[in-house]
Amino acid sequence: AYGYRISISFALAVTAVAYLLGTMVGSVLGYFGRWVDILGQRFVEIWTAVPFLYTVIILGSIFPRNFKMLTAILAAFGWMSITYYIRGEFYREKAKDYVAAAIATGEGNLKIMVSHILPNALTPIIAFAPFAIVGSLVALVSLDFLGYGLPAPTPSWGELLRQARESGMSKWHLVVFPLGTMFITLQLIVFIGEAVREAFDPKVFSRLR
């Protein structure tokens, strides 16, 4: 139960920070385009090539590992994926007539981006947010299992699994209960995400049906 509280709080915090940063960067690249997009894309590609695990190990050896530091690290490496989708949505939406009408009325770039284009570009965020939460949750469990996550005695599913491995897998409850709870949690997150996606779907029946 305590491991669930830590894991879901961590996953929500990482997803919120990463999606906020990715939405801001992607909207700027997609709206302004040209040299802003070219330079921004090169920066994103360079940042994507930075190894995640090595960064965690290096920073973990320099600074004390805690909830905020791991949240910042995972958010710093999790914003690139949503950037591409938001960038594509802004490229598609800014070519439509309502954006040209907003420009003709003299509205500023920031207002056009936030008030007009962004509400119509939220589909990737709604569709991929549950999977991002699942990925962040699994990443924390993996880091804790490898010993690079939250320090003991912080309650964590990964820490319980690591203790099970160190005991030679003789304590079955340290394997069954964390994995079972994690499986149920991941399933519920995906189901909730699918329900939210269908709630925002303008069509009566989704494409999956």
C-alpha atoms as a PDB file:
ATOM      1  CA  ALA A   1       0.000   0.000   0.000  1.00  0.00           C
ATOM      2  CA  TYR A   2       2.806   2.424   0.817  1.00  0.00           C
ATOM      3  CA  GLY A   3       4.640   1.371  -2.342  1.00  0.00           C
ATOM      4  CA  TYR A   4       1.530   2.175  -4.367  1.00  0.00           C
ATOM      5  CA  ARG A   5       1.358   5.657  -2.884  1.00  0.00           C
ATOM      6  CA  ILE A   6       4.990   6.368  -3.729  1.00  0.00           C
ATOM      7  CA  SER A   7       4.778   4.871  -7.220  1.00  0.00           C
ATOM      8  CA  ILE A   8       1.569   6.562  -8.366  1.00  0.00           C
ATOM      9  CA  SER A   9       2.646   9.948  -6.960  1.00  0.00           C
ATOM     10  CA  PHE A  10       5.970   9.640  -8.749  1.00  0.00           C
ATOM     11  CA  ALA A  11       4.376   8.600 -12.049  1.00  0.00           C
ATOM     12  CA  LEU A  12       1.829  11.438 -11.983  1.00  0.00           C
ATOM     13  CA  ALA A  13       4.477  14.032 -11.103  1.00  0.00           C
ATOM     14  CA  VAL A  14       6.856  12.872 -13.853  1.00  0.00           C
ATOM     15  CA  THR A  15       4.102  12.763 -16.473  1.00  0.00           C
ATOM     16  CA  ALA A  16       2.777  16.214 -15.544  1.00  0.00           C
ATOM     17  CA  VAL A  17       6.200  17.881 -15.662  1.00  0.00           C
ATOM     18  CA  ALA A  18       7.330  16.058 -18.815  1.00  0.00           C
ATOM     19  CA  TYR A  19       4.093  16.754 -20.694  1.00  0.00           C
ATOM     20  CA  LEU A  20       4.078  20.396 -19.664  1.00  0.00           C
ATOM     21  CA  LEU A  21       7.639  20.860 -20.909  1.00  0.00           C
ATOM     22  CA  GLY A  22       7.042  18.808 -24.057  1.00  0.00           C
ATOM     23  CA  THR A  23       3.857  20.717 -24.885  1.00  0.00           C
ATOM     24  CA  MET A  24       5.601  24.063 -24.514  1.00  0.00           C
ATOM     25  CA  VAL A  25       8.554  23.072 -26.694  1.00  0.00           C
ATOM     26  CA  GLY A  26       6.435  21.314 -29.317  1.00  0.00           C
ATOM     27  CA  SER A  27       3.986  24.208 -29.606  1.00  0.00           C
ATOM     28  CA  VAL A  28       6.803  26.714 -30.146  1.00  0.00           C
ATOM     29  CA  LEU A  29       8.495  24.523 -32.770  1.00  0.00           C
ATOM     30  CA  GLY A  30       5.264  23.790 -34.607  1.00  0.00           C
ATOM     31  CA  TYR A  31       3.882  27.308 -34.562  1.00  0.00           C
ATOM     32  CA  PHE A  32       6.958  29.322 -35.552  1.00  0.00           C
ATOM     33  CA  GLY A  33       8.623  26.672 -37.752  1.00  0.00           C
ATOM     34  CA  ARG A  34      11.503  27.617 -40.065  1.00  0.00           C
ATOM     35  CA  TRP A  35      14.832  28.172 -38.245  1.00  0.00           C
ATOM     36  CA  VAL A  36      13.204  27.872 -34.814  1.00  0.00           C
ATOM     37  CA  ASP A  37      12.004  24.388 -35.738  1.00  0.00           C
ATOM     38  CA  ILE A  38      15.329  23.405 -37.279  1.00  0.00           C
ATOM     39  CA  LEU A  39      17.393  24.446 -34.254  1.00  0.00           C
ATOM     40  CA  GLY A  40      14.851  23.020 -31.815  1.00  0.00           C
ATOM     41  CA  GLN A  41      14.777  19.660 -33.581  1.00  0.00           C
ATOM     42  CA  ARG A  42      18.573  19.397 -33.502  1.00  0.00           C
ATOM     43  CA  PHE A  43      18.552  20.116 -29.759  1.00  0.00           C
ATOM     44  CA  VAL A  44      15.880  17.468 -29.159  1.00  0.00           C
ATOM     45  CA  GLU A  45      17.865  14.910 -31.176  1.00  0.00           C
ATOM     46  CA  ILE A  46      21.046  15.635 -29.222  1.00  0.00           C
ATOM     47  CA  TRP A  47      19.222  15.424 -25.892  1.00  0.00           C
ATOM     48  CA  THR A  48      17.598  12.134 -26.941  1.00  0.00           C
ATOM     49  CA  ALA A  49      21.059  10.617 -27.496  1.00  0.00           C
ATOM     50  CA  VAL A  50      22.100  11.235 -23.859  1.00  0.00           C
ATOM     51  CA  PRO A  51      22.101   7.868 -22.003  1.00  0.00           C
ATOM     52  CA  PHE A  52      19.448   7.855 -19.304  1.00  0.00           C
ATOM     53  CA  LEU A  53      20.812   5.187 -16.956  1.00  0.00           C
ATOM     54  CA  TYR A  54      24.340   6.618 -16.928  1.00  0.00           C
ATOM     55  CA  THR A  55      22.942  10.029 -16.068  1.00  0.00           C
ATOM     56  CA  VAL A  56      20.999   8.568 -13.142  1.00  0.00           C
ATOM     57  CA  ILE A  57      24.101   6.758 -11.883  1.00  0.00           C
ATOM     58  CA  ILE A  58      26.334   9.829 -12.151  1.00  0.00           C
ATOM     59  CA  LEU A  59      23.875  12.230 -10.544  1.00  0.00           C
ATOM     60  CA  GLY A  60      22.988   9.647  -7.890  1.00  0.00           C
ATOM     61  CA  SER A  61      26.645   9.384  -6.901  1.00  0.00           C
ATOM     62  CA  ILE A  62      27.011  13.172  -6.653  1.00  0.00           C
ATOM     63  CA  PHE A  63      23.695  14.178  -5.086  1.00  0.00           C
ATOM     64  CA  PRO A  64      21.567  12.293  -2.541  1.00  0.00           C
ATOM     65  CA  ARG A  65      18.823  10.347  -4.299  1.00  0.00           C
ATOM     66  CA  ASN A  66      15.338  11.471  -3.337  1.00  0.00           C
ATOM     67  CA  PHE A  67      11.855  11.826  -4.775  1.00  0.00           C
ATOM     68  CA  LYS A  68      12.381  15.291  -6.275  1.00  0.00           C
ATOM     69  CA  MET A  69      15.715  14.472  -7.919  1.00  0.00           C
ATOM     70  CA  LEU A  70      14.422  11.316  -9.605  1.00  0.00           C
ATOM     71  CA  THR A  71      11.281  13.146 -10.717  1.00  0.00           C
ATOM     72  CA  ALA A  72      13.389  15.877 -12.324  1.00  0.00           C
ATOM     73  CA  ILE A  73      15.663  13.359 -14.061  1.00  0.00           C
ATOM     74  CA  LEU A  74      12.859  11.237 -15.513  1.00  0.00           C
ATOM     75  CA  ALA A  75      10.898  14.332 -16.553  1.00  0.00           C
ATOM     76  CA  ALA A  76      14.031  15.715 -18.241  1.00  0.00           C
ATOM     77  CA  PHE A  77      14.232  12.549 -20.349  1.00  0.00           C
ATOM     78  CA  GLY A  78      10.489  12.034 -20.862  1.00  0.00           C
ATOM     79  CA  TRP A  79       9.407  15.217 -22.592  1.00  0.00           C
ATOM     80  CA  MET A  80      10.878  14.533 -26.045  1.00  0.00           C
ATOM     81  CA  SER A  81       8.286  12.028 -27.232  1.00  0.00           C
ATOM     82  CA  ILE A  82       5.260  14.285 -26.718  1.00  0.00           C
ATOM     83  CA  THR A  83       7.146  17.153 -28.384  1.00  0.00           C
ATOM     84  CA  TYR A  84       6.975  15.469 -31.793  1.00  0.00           C
ATOM     85  CA  TYR A  85       3.211  14.905 -31.562  1.00  0.00           C
ATOM     86  CA  ILE A  86       2.406  18.441 -30.372  1.00  0.00           C
ATOM     87  CA  ARG A  87       4.698  19.872 -33.044  1.00  0.00           C
ATOM     88  CA  GLY A  88       2.838  17.919 -35.736  1.00  0.00           C
ATOM     89  CA  GLU A  89      -0.547  18.980 -34.383  1.00  0.00           C
ATOM     90  CA  PHE A  90       0.480  22.656 -34.384  1.00  0.00           C
ATOM     91  CA  TYR A  91       1.781  22.380 -37.944  1.00  0.00           C
ATOM     92  CA  ARG A  92      -1.562  20.922 -39.016  1.00  0.00           C
ATOM     93  CA  GLU A  93      -3.778  23.323 -37.074  1.00  0.00           C
ATOM     94  CA  LYS A  94      -1.967  26.568 -37.902  1.00  0.00           C
ATOM     95  CA  ALA A  95      -2.734  26.069 -41.585  1.00  0.00           C
ATOM     96  CA  LYS A  96      -6.498  26.164 -40.973  1.00  0.00           C
ATOM     97  CA  ASP A  97      -8.808  29.106 -41.540  1.00  0.00           C
ATOM     98  CA  TYR A  98      -9.597  29.879 -37.897  1.00  0.00           C
ATOM     99  CA  VAL A  99      -5.912  30.583 -37.208  1.00  0.00           C
ATOM    100  CA  ALA A 100      -5.736  32.891 -40.240  1.00  0.00           C
ATOM    101  CA  ALA A 101      -8.850  34.667 -38.963  1.00  0.00           C
ATOM    102  CA  ALA A 102      -7.293  35.118 -35.524  1.00  0.00           C
ATOM    103  CA  ILE A 103      -4.149  36.566 -37.095  1.00  0.00           C
ATOM    104  CA  ALA A 104      -6.250  38.904 -39.233  1.00  0.00           C
ATOM    105  CA  THR A 105      -8.029  40.255 -36.163  1.00  0.00           C
ATOM    106  CA  GLY A 106      -4.660  41.213 -34.663  1.00  0.00           C
ATOM    107  CA  GLU A 107      -4.377  38.658 -31.857  1.00  0.00           C
ATOM    108  CA  GLY A 108      -0.904  37.946 -30.530  1.00  0.00           C
ATOM    109  CA  ASN A 109       1.052  34.754 -31.068  1.00  0.00           C
ATOM    110  CA  LEU A 110       0.769  33.621 -27.453  1.00  0.00           C
ATOM    111  CA  LYS A 111      -3.005  33.993 -27.389  1.00  0.00           C
ATOM    112  CA  ILE A 112      -3.375  32.185 -30.710  1.00  0.00           C
ATOM    113  CA  MET A 113      -1.202  29.314 -29.466  1.00  0.00           C
ATOM    114  CA  VAL A 114      -2.898  28.929 -26.077  1.00  0.00           C
ATOM    115  CA  SER A 115      -6.510  29.896 -26.789  1.00  0.00           C
ATOM    116  CA  HIS A 116      -7.019  28.665 -30.337  1.00  0.00           C
ATOM    117  CA  ILE A 117      -4.541  25.976 -31.420  1.00  0.00           C
ATOM    118  CA  LEU A 118      -3.735  24.200 -28.137  1.00  0.00           C
ATOM    119  CA  PRO A 119      -7.335  23.107 -27.327  1.00  0.00           C
ATOM    120  CA  ASN A 120      -7.486  21.484 -30.766  1.00  0.00           C
ATOM    121  CA  ALA A 121      -4.073  19.833 -30.333  1.00  0.00           C
ATOM    122  CA  LEU A 122      -4.741  17.974 -27.089  1.00  0.00           C
ATOM    123  CA  THR A 123      -5.445  14.621 -28.737  1.00  0.00           C
ATOM    124  CA  PRO A 124      -1.882  13.246 -28.331  1.00  0.00           C
ATOM    125  CA  ILE A 125      -1.776  14.304 -24.672  1.00  0.00           C
ATOM    126  CA  ILE A 126      -5.089  12.619 -23.889  1.00  0.00           C
ATOM    127  CA  ALA A 127      -4.210   9.491 -25.868  1.00  0.00           C
ATOM    128  CA  PHE A 128      -0.654   8.943 -24.609  1.00  0.00           C
ATOM    129  CA  ALA A 129      -0.834  10.200 -21.003  1.00  0.00           C
ATOM    130  CA  PRO A 130      -1.929   6.823 -19.514  1.00  0.00           C
ATOM    131  CA  PHE A 131       0.947   5.051 -21.247  1.00  0.00           C
ATOM    132  CA  ALA A 132       3.371   7.709 -20.013  1.00  0.00           C
ATOM    133  CA  ILE A 133       2.130   7.156 -16.453  1.00  0.00           C
ATOM    134  CA  VAL A 134       2.635   3.414 -16.878  1.00  0.00           C
ATOM    135  CA  GLY A 135       6.145   3.970 -18.251  1.00  0.00           C
ATOM    136  CA  SER A 136       7.133   6.254 -15.385  1.00  0.00           C
ATOM    137  CA  LEU A 137       5.798   3.803 -12.819  1.00  0.00           C
ATOM    138  CA  VAL A 138       7.694   0.885 -14.372  1.00  0.00           C
ATOM    139  CA  ALA A 139      10.848   3.039 -14.607  1.00  0.00           C
ATOM    140  CA  LEU A 140      10.760   3.749 -10.857  1.00  0.00           C
ATOM    141  CA  VAL A 141      10.261   0.068 -10.045  1.00  0.00           C
ATOM    142  CA  SER A 142      13.169  -0.843 -12.331  1.00  0.00           C
ATOM    143  CA  LEU A 143      15.486   1.760 -10.819  1.00  0.00           C
ATOM    144  CA  ASP A 144      14.604   0.663  -7.289  1.00  0.00           C
ATOM    145  CA  PHE A 145      15.195  -2.965  -8.235  1.00  0.00           C
ATOM    146  CA  LEU A 146      18.640  -2.114  -9.648  1.00  0.00           C
ATOM    147  CA  GLY A 147      19.524  -0.029  -6.584  1.00  0.00           C
ATOM    148  CA  TYR A 148      19.569   3.338  -8.366  1.00  0.00           C
ATOM    149  CA  GLY A 149      16.132   4.553  -7.280  1.00  0.00           C
ATOM    150  CA  LEU A 150      14.808   5.829  -3.992  1.00  0.00           C
ATOM    151  CA  PRO A 151      17.092   4.904  -1.087  1.00  0.00           C
ATOM    152  CA  ALA A 152      16.032   2.404   1.549  1.00  0.00           C
ATOM    153  CA  PRO A 153      13.979   2.298   3.728  1.00  0.00           C
ATOM    154  CA  THR A 154      11.622   4.100   1.311  1.00  0.00           C
ATOM    155  CA  PRO A 155       8.705   1.711   0.639  1.00  0.00           C
ATOM    156  CA  SER A 156       8.820   0.641  -2.988  1.00  0.00           C
ATOM    157  CA  TRP A 157       7.752  -2.330  -5.092  1.00  0.00           C
ATOM    158  CA  GLY A 158      11.198  -2.429  -6.672  1.00  0.00           C
ATOM    159  CA  GLU A 159      12.848  -2.520  -3.244  1.00  0.00           C
ATOM    160  CA  LEU A 160      10.647  -5.463  -2.237  1.00  0.00           C
ATOM    161  CA  LEU A 161      11.577  -7.317  -5.412  1.00  0.00           C
ATOM    162  CA  ARG A 162      15.260  -6.620  -4.794  1.00  0.00           C
ATOM    163  CA  GLN A 163      14.936  -8.036  -1.284  1.00  0.00           C
ATOM    164  CA  ALA A 164      13.276 -11.120  -2.758  1.00  0.00           C
ATOM    165  CA  ARG A 165      16.194 -11.592  -5.143  1.00  0.00           C
ATOM    166  CA  GLU A 166      18.736 -11.169  -2.359  1.00  0.00           C
ATOM    167  CA  SER A 167      16.910 -13.797  -0.272  1.00  0.00           C
ATOM    168  CA  GLY A 168      17.280 -16.338  -3.064  1.00  0.00           C
ATOM    169  CA  MET A 169      13.569 -16.117  -4.003  1.00  0.00           C
ATOM    170  CA  SER A 170      12.711 -18.032  -0.817  1.00  0.00           C
ATOM    171  CA  LYS A 171      10.249 -15.372   0.394  1.00  0.00           C
ATOM    172  CA  TRP A 172       7.487 -15.790  -2.155  1.00  0.00           C
ATOM    173  CA  HIS A 173       5.301 -13.029  -0.735  1.00  0.00           C
ATOM    174  CA  LEU A 174       7.963 -10.437  -1.650  1.00  0.00           C
ATOM    175  CA  VAL A 175       7.445 -11.411  -5.285  1.00  0.00           C
ATOM    176  CA  VAL A 176       3.734 -12.183  -5.552  1.00  0.00           C
ATOM    177  CA  PHE A 177       2.257  -9.173  -3.789  1.00  0.00           C
ATOM    178  CA  PRO A 178       4.384  -6.379  -5.388  1.00  0.00           C
ATOM    179  CA  LEU A 179       4.030  -7.857  -8.887  1.00  0.00           C
ATOM    180  CA  GLY A 180       0.318  -8.523  -8.401  1.00  0.00           C
ATOM    181  CA  THR A 181      -0.339  -5.017  -7.140  1.00  0.00           C
ATOM    182  CA  MET A 182       1.708  -3.514  -9.964  1.00  0.00           C
ATOM    183  CA  PHE A 183      -0.176  -5.581 -12.562  1.00  0.00           C
ATOM    184  CA  ILE A 184      -3.571  -4.491 -11.227  1.00  0.00           C
ATOM    185  CA  THR A 185      -2.461  -0.842 -11.026  1.00  0.00           C
ATOM    186  CA  LEU A 186      -1.154  -0.804 -14.598  1.00  0.00           C
ATOM    187  CA  GLN A 187      -4.354  -2.415 -15.878  1.00  0.00           C
ATOM    188  CA  LEU A 188      -6.533   0.141 -14.094  1.00  0.00           C
ATOM    189  CA  ILE A 189      -4.466   3.052 -15.435  1.00  0.00           C
ATOM    190  CA  VAL A 190      -4.852   1.790 -19.005  1.00  0.00           C
ATOM    191  CA  PHE A 191      -8.610   1.293 -18.544  1.00  0.00           C
ATOM    192  CA  ILE A 192      -9.014   4.783 -17.080  1.00  0.00           C
ATOM    193  CA  GLY A 193      -6.980   6.246 -19.922  1.00  0.00           C
ATOM    194  CA  GLU A 194      -9.126   4.497 -22.508  1.00  0.00           C
ATOM    195  CA  ALA A 195     -12.291   5.814 -20.836  1.00  0.00           C
ATOM    196  CA  VAL A 196     -10.932   9.374 -20.801  1.00  0.00           C
ATOM    197  CA  ARG A 197      -9.933   9.100 -24.461  1.00  0.00           C
ATOM    198  CA  GLU A 198     -13.410   7.948 -25.451  1.00  0.00           C
ATOM    199  CA  ALA A 199     -14.983  10.703 -23.358  1.00  0.00           C
ATOM    200  CA  PHE A 200     -13.093  13.315 -25.395  1.00  0.00           C
ATOM    201  CA  ASP A 201     -13.710  11.530 -28.691  1.00  0.00           C
ATOM    202  CA  PRO A 202     -16.158  13.626 -30.776  1.00  0.00           C
ATOM    203  CA  LYS A 203     -17.344  10.510 -32.602  1.00  0.00           C
ATOM    204  CA  VAL A 204     -20.108   8.385 -31.110  1.00  0.00           C
ATOM    205  CA  PHE A 205     -18.132   5.201 -31.752  1.00  0.00           C
ATOM    206  CA  SER A 206     -14.362   5.149 -31.600  1.00  0.00           C
ATOM    207  CA  ARG A 207     -12.182   3.810 -34.384  1.00  0.00           C
ATOM    208  CA  LEU A 208     -11.307   0.791 -32.257  1.00  0.00           C
ATOM    209  CA  ARG A 209     -14.973  -0.260 -32.242  1.00  0.00           C
END
